[in-house]
Amino acid sequence: MESSILVIVDHDEKQFHVIPDVEEKALYDRRVEEAKESGRDVGVFRSSLASVYETIDAAQHEYKGYSHKEESPV
């Protein structure tokens, strides 16, 4: 089964946001694309980990100096 956890990374603000149980990944893909088109440095990917906590921990290790943000940057 594919994970339904998404991670949105905001490189401009050095933050990331984890979204659990995403059913509408296309909505976030579209929001990220719109943000990129407006000049922002953001990205989105689906986590391969089993839980939100594991995903946050892994993102904190991957993106050194970035903080976890409760609100989506897009």
Protein backbone atom coordinates (compact mmCIF):
# COMPACT_ATOMS: atom_id res chain seq x y z
CA MET A 1 0.00 0.00 0.00
CA GLU A 2 1.31 3.46 -0.93
CA SER A 3 1.68 6.02 1.84
CA SER A 4 -0.84 8.84 1.96
CA ILE A 5 1.54 11.19 3.81
CA LEU A 6 2.74 14.23 1.85
CA VAL A 7 5.60 16.55 2.65
CA ILE A 8 5.70 20.10 1.33
CA VAL A 9 9.12 21.72 1.56
CA ASP A 10 9.47 25.50 1.47
CA HIS A 11 13.11 26.21 0.66
CA ASP A 12 12.55 29.99 0.77
CA GLU A 13 11.47 29.89 4.42
CA LYS A 14 13.47 26.77 5.35
CA GLN A 15 10.37 24.97 6.61
CA PHE A 16 8.46 21.81 5.83
CA HIS A 17 4.88 20.71 6.43
CA VAL A 18 3.66 17.12 6.77
CA ILE A 19 0.12 16.31 5.68
CA PRO A 20 -1.29 12.97 6.87
CA ASP A 21 -3.98 10.98 5.06
CA VAL A 22 -3.96 12.97 1.82
CA GLU A 23 -6.56 11.78 -0.64
CA GLU A 24 -6.26 14.71 -3.03
CA LYS A 25 -2.54 14.76 -3.81
CA ALA A 26 -3.31 16.49 -7.11
CA LEU A 27 -4.63 19.53 -5.20
CA TYR A 28 -1.30 19.98 -3.40
CA ASP A 29 0.66 19.27 -6.59
CA ARG A 30 -1.31 22.07 -8.25
CA ARG A 31 -0.76 24.48 -5.32
CA VAL A 32 2.99 23.80 -5.35
CA GLU A 33 3.13 24.31 -9.14
CA GLU A 34 1.33 27.65 -8.78
CA ALA A 35 3.74 28.71 -6.03
CA LYS A 36 6.71 27.75 -8.24
CA GLU A 37 5.27 29.73 -11.14
CA SER A 38 5.06 32.77 -8.87
CA GLY A 39 8.78 32.43 -8.10
CA ARG A 40 8.76 30.44 -4.85
CA ASP A 41 11.20 27.59 -4.20
CA VAL A 42 8.89 24.84 -2.92
CA GLY A 43 8.47 21.13 -3.53
CA VAL A 44 6.16 18.26 -2.63
CA PHE A 45 6.70 14.53 -2.28
CA ARG A 46 4.95 11.47 -0.90
CA SER A 47 6.58 9.91 2.15
CA SER A 48 7.55 6.25 2.00
CA LEU A 49 7.46 6.00 5.79
CA ALA A 50 4.63 4.50 7.82
CA SER A 51 3.85 7.37 10.19
CA VAL A 52 3.75 11.14 10.43
CA TYR A 53 6.25 11.07 13.31
CA GLU A 54 8.76 9.03 11.29
CA THR A 55 8.26 11.37 8.35
CA ILE A 56 8.86 14.50 10.45
CA ASP A 57 11.97 12.94 12.00
CA ALA A 58 13.35 11.94 8.60
CA ALA A 59 12.61 15.38 7.11
CA GLN A 60 14.42 17.08 10.00
CA HIS A 61 17.48 14.95 9.26
CA GLU A 62 17.24 15.45 5.48
CA TYR A 63 16.62 19.19 5.61
CA LYS A 64 19.15 20.38 8.19
CA GLY A 65 18.22 23.77 9.59
CA TYR A 66 14.59 23.53 8.43
CA SER A 67 11.74 23.59 10.91
CA HIS A 68 8.46 21.71 10.92
CA LYS A 69 5.51 24.03 10.32
CA GLU A 70 1.93 23.16 11.30
CA GLU A 71 0.37 25.17 8.44
CA SER A 72 0.90 24.40 4.78
CA PRO A 73 3.11 26.93 2.98
CA VAL A 74 0.93 26.63 -0.13
